[in-house]
Amino acid sequence: MKNIGFYLLNEKGYTVLKAVLTRVKNINIEFVAIGQDVEIENDYSLEIKNLCEENGINYYWKNYQGGLFDGYVFAIGWRWMINGMDNNKLIVLHDSLLPRYRGFNPLVSCLINGEEYIGVTALYASDKYDRGNIIMQRAISVTYPIKIKDAIASISILYADIVVELIEEIKEAKLIAYAQDEEQATYSLWRDEQDYYIDWEWDSHKIRNFVDAVGSPYKGAHTRMNDRIIVITEVEIYPDVVIENRTPGKIIFMEDSRPIVVCGKGLIKIIHAHEKVSKEDILGEVRFRTRFI
């Protein structure tokens, strides 16, 4: 078959490359472009590099530099523009069931919103992001609570299955794609440092989902306590009570040094939290008259 190229980033990229090397016969991987992301705990760039070296695959850091390439290219977890490739041979994998959640961090947004299903879409690249024709989709159901690292592990398997199947279809010239339904399209905005902060006006279920969705390998859910930035890593839903003067962010009860915090609707019990800079556990020093903002 014609050569295959890869643009790979993070655990999903590593899982795909490993699956292709293990499960696909008679494949010639022309190159792997490796991305890096300093904003997460492990971007798997070294693991991808090592896998390339172990299998004699040419690799490049971020940009392909090997000259003209006319084979199919897969972009996995990639966040940058890819120039010089034919869009009809550039297959992008996206962390949502398109046309919903086009854009940035779709898996995080899906989990925060409590979606019943999460999934992966393989589509052709296009001039406008995530609007290309869909080639294949896979979905799995979600049971909450779920940590983002577990969701990533689950969809990484979907990524691998899709790419392996698509390579077999490329061999047999059987790729079929269909246009997206624009009336069903939704978007997920890019996120920055401010988007790590909890909005205590949310209901308790959304706050729990948020804490789980922005946790490791991301930076964790933030809140302010007095002049300090606190990272909350574990919470539980707590039975609500009638509050005549409901004020989200205030502590209403303490149980075993763990604060129960008022939400826009419902209550949240903080199980684990630490100070952002020192990483020190703060639960033993939280006073009853505390307002998180």
C-alpha atoms as a PDB file:
ATOM      1  CA  MET A   1       0.000   0.000   0.000  1.00  0.00           C
ATOM      2  CA  LYS A   2       0.992   3.655  -0.231  1.00  0.00           C
ATOM      3  CA  ASN A   3       2.964   5.134   2.597  1.00  0.00           C
ATOM      4  CA  ILE A   4       1.242   6.515   5.692  1.00  0.00           C
ATOM      5  CA  GLY A   5       2.251   9.549   7.743  1.00  0.00           C
ATOM      6  CA  PHE A   6       1.245  10.584  11.249  1.00  0.00           C
ATOM      7  CA  TYR A   7       1.005  13.809  13.217  1.00  0.00           C
ATOM      8  CA  LEU A   8       0.803  12.637  16.825  1.00  0.00           C
ATOM      9  CA  LEU A   9       0.304  14.263  20.207  1.00  0.00           C
ATOM     10  CA  ASN A  10      -0.465  12.931  23.692  1.00  0.00           C
ATOM     11  CA  GLU A  11      -1.728   9.571  24.911  1.00  0.00           C
ATOM     12  CA  LYS A  12      -4.109   9.174  21.995  1.00  0.00           C
ATOM     13  CA  GLY A  13      -1.291   9.573  19.497  1.00  0.00           C
ATOM     14  CA  TYR A  14       0.877   7.062  21.319  1.00  0.00           C
ATOM     15  CA  THR A  15      -1.972   4.537  21.596  1.00  0.00           C
ATOM     16  CA  VAL A  16      -2.718   4.820  17.876  1.00  0.00           C
ATOM     17  CA  LEU A  17       0.892   4.346  16.784  1.00  0.00           C
ATOM     18  CA  LYS A  18       1.321   1.354  19.072  1.00  0.00           C
ATOM     19  CA  ALA A  19      -1.892  -0.231  17.765  1.00  0.00           C
ATOM     20  CA  VAL A  20      -0.937   0.314  14.128  1.00  0.00           C
ATOM     21  CA  LEU A  21       2.480  -1.257  14.639  1.00  0.00           C
ATOM     22  CA  THR A  22       0.912  -4.221  16.430  1.00  0.00           C
ATOM     23  CA  ARG A  23      -2.234  -4.839  14.406  1.00  0.00           C
ATOM     24  CA  VAL A  24      -1.629  -3.678  10.830  1.00  0.00           C
ATOM     25  CA  LYS A  25       0.343  -5.899   8.456  1.00  0.00           C
ATOM     26  CA  ASN A  26       2.365  -4.709   5.462  1.00  0.00           C
ATOM     27  CA  ILE A  27       2.352  -1.022   6.304  1.00  0.00           C
ATOM     28  CA  ASN A  28       5.059   1.485   5.484  1.00  0.00           C
ATOM     29  CA  ILE A  29       5.053   4.430   7.885  1.00  0.00           C
ATOM     30  CA  GLU A  30       6.892   7.198   6.049  1.00  0.00           C
ATOM     31  CA  PHE A  31       7.133   9.573   8.985  1.00  0.00           C
ATOM     32  CA  VAL A  32       5.813  10.594  12.388  1.00  0.00           C
ATOM     33  CA  ALA A  33       5.633  14.259  13.375  1.00  0.00           C
ATOM     34  CA  ILE A  34       5.648  14.520  17.176  1.00  0.00           C
ATOM     35  CA  GLY A  35       3.901  17.347  19.008  1.00  0.00           C
ATOM     36  CA  GLN A  36       4.642  18.602  22.509  1.00  0.00           C
ATOM     37  CA  ASP A  37       2.341  20.187  25.100  1.00  0.00           C
ATOM     38  CA  VAL A  38       3.888  21.693  28.230  1.00  0.00           C
ATOM     39  CA  GLU A  39       0.429  22.427  29.668  1.00  0.00           C
ATOM     40  CA  ILE A  40      -0.275  18.797  30.581  1.00  0.00           C
ATOM     41  CA  GLU A  41       1.538  16.419  32.921  1.00  0.00           C
ATOM     42  CA  ASN A  42       2.646  13.975  30.218  1.00  0.00           C
ATOM     43  CA  ASP A  43       2.333  14.735  26.514  1.00  0.00           C
ATOM     44  CA  TYR A  44       3.698  11.277  25.578  1.00  0.00           C
ATOM     45  CA  SER A  45       6.216  12.859  23.193  1.00  0.00           C
ATOM     46  CA  LEU A  46       9.089  10.801  24.594  1.00  0.00           C
ATOM     47  CA  GLU A  47       7.049   7.597  24.476  1.00  0.00           C
ATOM     48  CA  ILE A  48       6.188   8.290  20.827  1.00  0.00           C
ATOM     49  CA  LYS A  49       9.837   9.063  20.031  1.00  0.00           C
ATOM     50  CA  ASN A  50      10.994   5.845  21.678  1.00  0.00           C
ATOM     51  CA  LEU A  51       8.402   3.828  19.768  1.00  0.00           C
ATOM     52  CA  CYS A  52       9.630   5.349  16.511  1.00  0.00           C
ATOM     53  CA  GLU A  53      13.258   4.583  17.329  1.00  0.00           C
ATOM     54  CA  GLU A  54      12.444   1.002  18.318  1.00  0.00           C
ATOM     55  CA  ASN A  55      10.723   0.441  14.967  1.00  0.00           C
ATOM     56  CA  GLY A  56      13.062   2.395  12.691  1.00  0.00           C
ATOM     57  CA  ILE A  57      10.509   5.095  11.845  1.00  0.00           C
ATOM     58  CA  ASN A  58      11.625   8.555  10.717  1.00  0.00           C
ATOM     59  CA  TYR A  59      10.321  11.156  13.138  1.00  0.00           C
ATOM     60  CA  TYR A  60      10.312  14.931  13.339  1.00  0.00           C
ATOM     61  CA  TRP A  61       9.534  17.343  16.145  1.00  0.00           C
ATOM     62  CA  LYS A  62       6.221  19.017  15.261  1.00  0.00           C
ATOM     63  CA  ASN A  63       6.757  19.680  11.537  1.00  0.00           C
ATOM     64  CA  TYR A  64       7.326  17.137   8.770  1.00  0.00           C
ATOM     65  CA  GLN A  65      10.538  18.030   6.936  1.00  0.00           C
ATOM     66  CA  GLY A  66      10.915  15.144   4.525  1.00  0.00           C
ATOM     67  CA  GLY A  67       9.811  16.810   1.296  1.00  0.00           C
ATOM     68  CA  LEU A  68       6.832  16.033  -0.942  1.00  0.00           C
ATOM     69  CA  PHE A  69       4.510  13.352   0.439  1.00  0.00           C
ATOM     70  CA  ASP A  70       1.430  12.116  -1.424  1.00  0.00           C
ATOM     71  CA  GLY A  71       0.244   9.324   0.869  1.00  0.00           C
ATOM     72  CA  TYR A  72      -2.490   9.439   3.501  1.00  0.00           C
ATOM     73  CA  VAL A  73      -1.790  11.327   6.707  1.00  0.00           C
ATOM     74  CA  PHE A  74      -3.511  10.928  10.088  1.00  0.00           C
ATOM     75  CA  ALA A  75      -3.595  13.783  12.605  1.00  0.00           C
ATOM     76  CA  ILE A  76      -4.163  12.528  16.157  1.00  0.00           C
ATOM     77  CA  GLY A  77      -4.589  15.030  18.991  1.00  0.00           C
ATOM     78  CA  TRP A  78      -2.934  17.645  16.762  1.00  0.00           C
ATOM     79  CA  ARG A  79      -3.579  21.321  17.560  1.00  0.00           C
ATOM     80  CA  TRP A  80      -1.657  23.137  14.849  1.00  0.00           C
ATOM     81  CA  MET A  81      -2.102  23.886  11.165  1.00  0.00           C
ATOM     82  CA  ILE A  82      -0.711  21.258   8.803  1.00  0.00           C
ATOM     83  CA  ASN A  83       0.525  22.813   5.591  1.00  0.00           C
ATOM     84  CA  GLY A  84       1.494  21.227   2.298  1.00  0.00           C
ATOM     85  CA  MET A  85      -0.839  18.235   2.579  1.00  0.00           C
ATOM     86  CA  ASP A  86      -3.787  17.353   0.344  1.00  0.00           C
ATOM     87  CA  ASN A  87      -6.997  17.754   2.389  1.00  0.00           C
ATOM     88  CA  ASN A  88      -8.417  14.745   0.547  1.00  0.00           C
ATOM     89  CA  LYS A  89      -5.664  12.620   2.075  1.00  0.00           C
ATOM     90  CA  LEU A  90      -5.380  14.320   5.464  1.00  0.00           C
ATOM     91  CA  ILE A  91      -7.588  12.524   7.993  1.00  0.00           C
ATOM     92  CA  VAL A  92      -8.201  14.285  11.300  1.00  0.00           C
ATOM     93  CA  LEU A  93      -9.509  12.535  14.408  1.00  0.00           C
ATOM     94  CA  HIS A  94     -11.629  14.665  16.719  1.00  0.00           C
ATOM     95  CA  ASP A  95     -12.775  14.075  20.320  1.00  0.00           C
ATOM     96  CA  SER A  96     -16.514  14.377  19.706  1.00  0.00           C
ATOM     97  CA  LEU A  97     -19.397  13.058  17.678  1.00  0.00           C
ATOM     98  CA  LEU A  98     -19.435  15.736  15.006  1.00  0.00           C
ATOM     99  CA  PRO A  99     -21.081  17.991  14.051  1.00  0.00           C
ATOM    100  CA  ARG A 100     -21.546  18.624  17.787  1.00  0.00           C
ATOM    101  CA  TYR A 101     -18.657  20.073  19.797  1.00  0.00           C
ATOM    102  CA  ARG A 102     -16.556  21.365  16.937  1.00  0.00           C
ATOM    103  CA  GLY A 103     -13.482  23.185  18.145  1.00  0.00           C
ATOM    104  CA  PHE A 104     -11.366  22.994  21.260  1.00  0.00           C
ATOM    105  CA  ASN A 105     -11.219  20.571  24.208  1.00  0.00           C
ATOM    106  CA  PRO A 106     -14.449  18.878  23.118  1.00  0.00           C
ATOM    107  CA  LEU A 107     -14.034  15.927  25.473  1.00  0.00           C
ATOM    108  CA  VAL A 108     -13.689  18.238  28.479  1.00  0.00           C
ATOM    109  CA  SER A 109     -16.796  20.157  27.410  1.00  0.00           C
ATOM    110  CA  CYS A 110     -18.761  16.939  26.875  1.00  0.00           C
ATOM    111  CA  LEU A 111     -17.958  15.704  30.376  1.00  0.00           C
ATOM    112  CA  ILE A 112     -18.706  19.048  32.049  1.00  0.00           C
ATOM    113  CA  ASN A 113     -22.088  19.072  30.325  1.00  0.00           C
ATOM    114  CA  GLY A 114     -22.813  15.510  31.419  1.00  0.00           C
ATOM    115  CA  GLU A 115     -23.242  14.063  27.928  1.00  0.00           C
ATOM    116  CA  GLU A 116     -24.591  10.532  27.850  1.00  0.00           C
ATOM    117  CA  TYR A 117     -22.147   9.523  25.117  1.00  0.00           C
ATOM    118  CA  ILE A 118     -18.620  10.533  24.183  1.00  0.00           C
ATOM    119  CA  GLY A 119     -16.847   9.530  21.031  1.00  0.00           C
ATOM    120  CA  VAL A 120     -14.433  10.082  18.186  1.00  0.00           C
ATOM    121  CA  THR A 121     -14.925  11.271  14.626  1.00  0.00           C
ATOM    122  CA  ALA A 122     -12.562  10.685  11.705  1.00  0.00           C
ATOM    123  CA  LEU A 123     -13.006  13.348   9.046  1.00  0.00           C
ATOM    124  CA  TYR A 124     -11.195  14.905   6.139  1.00  0.00           C
ATOM    125  CA  ALA A 125      -9.375  18.138   6.867  1.00  0.00           C
ATOM    126  CA  SER A 126     -11.015  21.351   5.676  1.00  0.00           C
ATOM    127  CA  ASP A 127     -10.228  25.050   5.451  1.00  0.00           C
ATOM    128  CA  LYS A 128     -12.637  25.747   8.345  1.00  0.00           C
ATOM    129  CA  TYR A 129     -11.934  23.665  11.410  1.00  0.00           C
ATOM    130  CA  ASP A 130     -13.873  20.453  11.994  1.00  0.00           C
ATOM    131  CA  ARG A 131     -16.200  20.936   9.014  1.00  0.00           C
ATOM    132  CA  GLY A 132     -14.806  18.276   6.700  1.00  0.00           C
ATOM    133  CA  ASN A 133     -16.736  15.252   5.504  1.00  0.00           C
ATOM    134  CA  ILE A 134     -17.094  12.490   8.083  1.00  0.00           C
ATOM    135  CA  ILE A 135     -15.462   9.141   7.332  1.00  0.00           C
ATOM    136  CA  MET A 136     -16.136   7.183  10.526  1.00  0.00           C
ATOM    137  CA  GLN A 137     -17.449   7.616  14.082  1.00  0.00           C
ATOM    138  CA  ARG A 138     -17.346   5.533  17.238  1.00  0.00           C
ATOM    139  CA  ALA A 139     -19.107   6.221  20.553  1.00  0.00           C
ATOM    140  CA  ILE A 140     -19.222   4.877  24.098  1.00  0.00           C
ATOM    141  CA  SER A 141     -21.675   5.559  26.907  1.00  0.00           C
ATOM    142  CA  VAL A 142     -20.568   7.436  30.016  1.00  0.00           C
ATOM    143  CA  THR A 143     -21.325   6.682  33.656  1.00  0.00           C
ATOM    144  CA  TYR A 144     -20.756   9.604  36.020  1.00  0.00           C
ATOM    145  CA  PRO A 145     -18.666  10.413  37.936  1.00  0.00           C
ATOM    146  CA  ILE A 146     -15.771   9.816  35.551  1.00  0.00           C
ATOM    147  CA  LYS A 147     -12.255  11.241  35.668  1.00  0.00           C
ATOM    148  CA  ILE A 148     -10.851  12.840  32.532  1.00  0.00           C
ATOM    149  CA  LYS A 149      -7.856  10.486  32.539  1.00  0.00           C
ATOM    150  CA  ASP A 150     -10.220   7.498  32.394  1.00  0.00           C
ATOM    151  CA  ALA A 151     -12.247   9.094  29.604  1.00  0.00           C
ATOM    152  CA  ILE A 152      -9.043   9.760  27.638  1.00  0.00           C
ATOM    153  CA  ALA A 153      -7.977   6.138  28.075  1.00  0.00           C
ATOM    154  CA  SER A 154     -11.358   4.957  26.802  1.00  0.00           C
ATOM    155  CA  ILE A 155     -11.456   7.138  23.706  1.00  0.00           C
ATOM    156  CA  SER A 156      -7.794   6.380  22.981  1.00  0.00           C
ATOM    157  CA  ILE A 157      -8.946   2.826  22.330  1.00  0.00           C
ATOM    158  CA  LEU A 158     -11.598   4.186  19.951  1.00  0.00           C
ATOM    159  CA  TYR A 159      -8.908   6.199  18.184  1.00  0.00           C
ATOM    160  CA  ALA A 160      -6.789   3.104  17.699  1.00  0.00           C
ATOM    161  CA  ASP A 161      -9.706   1.019  16.428  1.00  0.00           C
ATOM    162  CA  ILE A 162     -10.742   3.703  13.936  1.00  0.00           C
ATOM    163  CA  VAL A 163      -7.254   4.239  12.519  1.00  0.00           C
ATOM    164  CA  VAL A 164      -6.563   0.517  12.162  1.00  0.00           C
ATOM    165  CA  GLU A 165      -9.884   0.040  10.360  1.00  0.00           C
ATOM    166  CA  LEU A 166      -9.338   3.059   8.112  1.00  0.00           C
ATOM    167  CA  ILE A 167      -5.890   1.865   7.075  1.00  0.00           C
ATOM    168  CA  GLU A 168      -7.429  -1.435   5.996  1.00  0.00           C
ATOM    169  CA  GLU A 169     -10.049   0.502   4.008  1.00  0.00           C
ATOM    170  CA  ILE A 170      -7.325   2.621   2.414  1.00  0.00           C
ATOM    171  CA  LYS A 171      -5.601  -0.575   1.305  1.00  0.00           C
ATOM    172  CA  GLU A 172      -8.816  -1.666  -0.418  1.00  0.00           C
ATOM    173  CA  ALA A 173      -9.723   1.841  -1.681  1.00  0.00           C
ATOM    174  CA  LYS A 174     -13.014   1.705   0.202  1.00  0.00           C
ATOM    175  CA  LEU A 175     -13.050   5.042   2.038  1.00  0.00           C
ATOM    176  CA  ILE A 176     -16.495   6.639   1.986  1.00  0.00           C
ATOM    177  CA  ALA A 177     -17.353  10.017   3.535  1.00  0.00           C
ATOM    178  CA  TYR A 178     -20.478  12.098   3.980  1.00  0.00           C
ATOM    179  CA  ALA A 179     -21.169  15.767   4.629  1.00  0.00           C
ATOM    180  CA  GLN A 180     -21.964  17.076   8.100  1.00  0.00           C
ATOM    181  CA  ASP A 181     -25.415  18.379   8.977  1.00  0.00           C
ATOM    182  CA  GLU A 182     -24.794  22.090   9.593  1.00  0.00           C
ATOM    183  CA  GLU A 183     -28.109  22.475  11.408  1.00  0.00           C
ATOM    184  CA  GLN A 184     -26.836  20.124  14.129  1.00  0.00           C
ATOM    185  CA  ALA A 185     -23.466  21.856  14.561  1.00  0.00           C
ATOM    186  CA  THR A 186     -22.331  23.176  17.952  1.00  0.00           C
ATOM    187  CA  TYR A 187     -18.979  24.552  19.091  1.00  0.00           C
ATOM    188  CA  SER A 188     -16.626  24.188  22.045  1.00  0.00           C
ATOM    189  CA  LEU A 189     -14.559  27.320  22.727  1.00  0.00           C
ATOM    190  CA  TRP A 190     -10.835  27.390  23.471  1.00  0.00           C
ATOM    191  CA  ARG A 191      -9.912  27.412  27.151  1.00  0.00           C
ATOM    192  CA  ASP A 192      -7.347  29.437  29.072  1.00  0.00           C
ATOM    193  CA  GLU A 193      -6.253  29.859  32.694  1.00  0.00           C
ATOM    194  CA  GLN A 194      -9.494  31.589  33.697  1.00  0.00           C
ATOM    195  CA  ASP A 195     -11.491  28.590  32.562  1.00  0.00           C
ATOM    196  CA  TYR A 196      -9.947  26.447  35.301  1.00  0.00           C
ATOM    197  CA  TYR A 197     -11.939  28.335  37.962  1.00  0.00           C
ATOM    198  CA  ILE A 198     -15.108  26.856  39.450  1.00  0.00           C
ATOM    199  CA  ASP A 199     -18.296  28.842  38.993  1.00  0.00           C
ATOM    200  CA  TRP A 200     -20.087  28.213  42.278  1.00  0.00           C
ATOM    201  CA  GLU A 201     -23.340  29.411  40.704  1.00  0.00           C
ATOM    202  CA  TRP A 202     -23.428  26.114  38.795  1.00  0.00           C
ATOM    203  CA  ASP A 203     -25.403  23.198  40.191  1.00  0.00           C
ATOM    204  CA  SER A 204     -23.527  20.596  42.227  1.00  0.00           C
ATOM    205  CA  HIS A 205     -23.540  17.950  39.473  1.00  0.00           C
ATOM    206  CA  LYS A 206     -21.952  20.306  36.957  1.00  0.00           C
ATOM    207  CA  ILE A 207     -19.321  21.357  39.511  1.00  0.00           C
ATOM    208  CA  ARG A 208     -18.469  17.722  40.229  1.00  0.00           C
ATOM    209  CA  ASN A 209     -18.227  17.034  36.502  1.00  0.00           C
ATOM    210  CA  PHE A 210     -16.017  20.107  36.094  1.00  0.00           C
ATOM    211  CA  VAL A 211     -13.617  19.037  38.855  1.00  0.00           C
ATOM    212  CA  ASP A 212     -13.308  15.598  37.260  1.00  0.00           C
ATOM    213  CA  ALA A 213     -13.024  16.938  33.691  1.00  0.00           C
ATOM    214  CA  VAL A 214     -10.159  19.393  34.265  1.00  0.00           C
ATOM    215  CA  GLY A 215      -8.158  17.180  36.635  1.00  0.00           C
ATOM    216  CA  SER A 216      -4.986  15.230  35.799  1.00  0.00           C
ATOM    217  CA  PRO A 217      -3.437  15.405  33.207  1.00  0.00           C
ATOM    218  CA  TYR A 218      -4.758  18.978  33.179  1.00  0.00           C
ATOM    219  CA  LYS A 219      -4.176  21.607  35.874  1.00  0.00           C
ATOM    220  CA  GLY A 220      -7.183  20.912  38.095  1.00  0.00           C
ATOM    221  CA  ALA A 221     -10.229  22.904  39.200  1.00  0.00           C
ATOM    222  CA  HIS A 222      -9.276  26.220  40.808  1.00  0.00           C
ATOM    223  CA  THR A 223     -11.001  28.437  43.343  1.00  0.00           C
ATOM    224  CA  ARG A 224      -9.922  31.325  45.560  1.00  0.00           C
ATOM    225  CA  MET A 225      -9.881  31.174  49.339  1.00  0.00           C
ATOM    226  CA  ASN A 226      -8.987  34.560  50.808  1.00  0.00           C
ATOM    227  CA  ASP A 227      -5.808  35.537  48.911  1.00  0.00           C
ATOM    228  CA  ARG A 228      -4.824  31.989  47.970  1.00  0.00           C
ATOM    229  CA  ILE A 229      -5.493  29.917  44.877  1.00  0.00           C
ATOM    230  CA  ILE A 230      -6.743  26.454  45.768  1.00  0.00           C
ATOM    231  CA  VAL A 231      -6.817  23.413  43.479  1.00  0.00           C
ATOM    232  CA  ILE A 232      -9.697  21.040  44.180  1.00  0.00           C
ATOM    233  CA  THR A 233      -9.086  17.512  42.930  1.00  0.00           C
ATOM    234  CA  GLU A 234     -11.873  15.424  44.479  1.00  0.00           C
ATOM    235  CA  VAL A 235     -15.458  16.246  45.447  1.00  0.00           C
ATOM    236  CA  GLU A 236     -18.700  14.440  46.200  1.00  0.00           C
ATOM    237  CA  ILE A 237     -22.335  15.382  45.755  1.00  0.00           C
ATOM    238  CA  TYR A 238     -23.866  16.138  49.159  1.00  0.00           C
ATOM    239  CA  PRO A 239     -27.629  16.043  49.897  1.00  0.00           C
ATOM    240  CA  ASP A 240     -29.129  19.494  49.538  1.00  0.00           C
ATOM    241  CA  VAL A 241     -30.961  21.372  52.272  1.00  0.00           C
ATOM    242  CA  VAL A 242     -33.307  24.339  52.190  1.00  0.00           C
ATOM    243  CA  ILE A 243     -31.251  27.535  52.503  1.00  0.00           C
ATOM    244  CA  GLU A 244     -33.279  30.692  52.942  1.00  0.00           C
ATOM    245  CA  ASN A 245     -30.437  33.002  51.882  1.00  0.00           C
ATOM    246  CA  ARG A 246     -28.573  30.801  49.417  1.00  0.00           C
ATOM    247  CA  THR A 247     -25.085  32.148  48.667  1.00  0.00           C
ATOM    248  CA  PRO A 248     -22.990  29.951  46.354  1.00  0.00           C
ATOM    249  CA  GLY A 249     -19.401  29.472  47.493  1.00  0.00           C
ATOM    250  CA  LYS A 250     -20.081  29.681  51.239  1.00  0.00           C
ATOM    251  CA  ILE A 251     -19.435  26.758  53.561  1.00  0.00           C
ATOM    252  CA  ILE A 252     -22.582  25.485  55.255  1.00  0.00           C
ATOM    253  CA  PHE A 253     -21.234  22.433  57.155  1.00  0.00           C
ATOM    254  CA  MET A 254     -17.942  20.817  58.128  1.00  0.00           C
ATOM    255  CA  GLU A 255     -17.530  17.032  58.317  1.00  0.00           C
ATOM    256  CA  ASP A 256     -14.179  15.561  59.392  1.00  0.00           C
ATOM    257  CA  SER A 257     -12.425  18.795  58.386  1.00  0.00           C
ATOM    258  CA  ARG A 258     -13.999  18.589  54.937  1.00  0.00           C
ATOM    259  CA  PRO A 259     -16.118  21.586  53.933  1.00  0.00           C
ATOM    260  CA  ILE A 260     -19.575  21.266  52.409  1.00  0.00           C
ATOM    261  CA  VAL A 261     -20.025  24.157  50.005  1.00  0.00           C
ATOM    262  CA  VAL A 262     -23.218  25.790  48.761  1.00  0.00           C
ATOM    263  CA  CYS A 263     -23.715  25.646  44.981  1.00  0.00           C
ATOM    264  CA  GLY A 264     -26.241  27.434  42.789  1.00  0.00           C
ATOM    265  CA  LYS A 265     -28.276  24.271  43.237  1.00  0.00           C
ATOM    266  CA  GLY A 266     -27.225  21.484  45.583  1.00  0.00           C
ATOM    267  CA  LEU A 267     -24.181  21.057  47.815  1.00  0.00           C
ATOM    268  CA  ILE A 268     -20.629  19.804  47.215  1.00  0.00           C
ATOM    269  CA  LYS A 269     -18.327  18.130  49.733  1.00  0.00           C
ATOM    270  CA  ILE A 270     -14.643  18.797  49.114  1.00  0.00           C
ATOM    271  CA  ILE A 271     -12.637  15.605  49.627  1.00  0.00           C
ATOM    272  CA  HIS A 272      -9.173  16.657  48.453  1.00  0.00           C
ATOM    273  CA  ALA A 273      -7.726  20.116  47.835  1.00  0.00           C
ATOM    274  CA  HIS A 274      -4.311  21.742  47.962  1.00  0.00           C
ATOM    275  CA  GLU A 275      -2.712  25.152  47.691  1.00  0.00           C
ATOM    276  CA  LYS A 276      -1.646  25.774  44.096  1.00  0.00           C
ATOM    277  CA  VAL A 277       1.905  26.958  44.701  1.00  0.00           C
ATOM    278  CA  SER A 278       2.999  24.915  47.714  1.00  0.00           C
ATOM    279  CA  LYS A 279       0.921  21.817  46.820  1.00  0.00           C
ATOM    280  CA  GLU A 280       0.150  21.496  50.550  1.00  0.00           C
ATOM    281  CA  ASP A 281      -3.178  20.011  51.656  1.00  0.00           C
ATOM    282  CA  ILE A 282      -5.413  22.795  52.959  1.00  0.00           C
ATOM    283  CA  LEU A 283      -8.453  20.984  54.321  1.00  0.00           C
ATOM    284  CA  GLY A 284      -7.244  20.926  57.908  1.00  0.00           C
ATOM    285  CA  GLU A 285      -6.976  24.712  57.948  1.00  0.00           C
ATOM    286  CA  VAL A 286     -10.221  25.718  56.234  1.00  0.00           C
ATOM    287  CA  ARG A 287     -12.376  27.743  58.607  1.00  0.00           C
ATOM    288  CA  PHE A 288     -16.129  27.406  58.797  1.00  0.00           C
ATOM    289  CA  ARG A 289     -16.668  31.045  57.847  1.00  0.00           C
ATOM    290  CA  THR A 290     -15.026  30.707  54.455  1.00  0.00           C
ATOM    291  CA  ARG A 291     -16.311  31.836  51.090  1.00  0.00           C
ATOM    292  CA  PHE A 292     -14.796  30.264  47.964  1.00  0.00           C
ATOM    293  CA  ILE A 293     -14.799  32.516  44.915  1.00  0.00           C
END
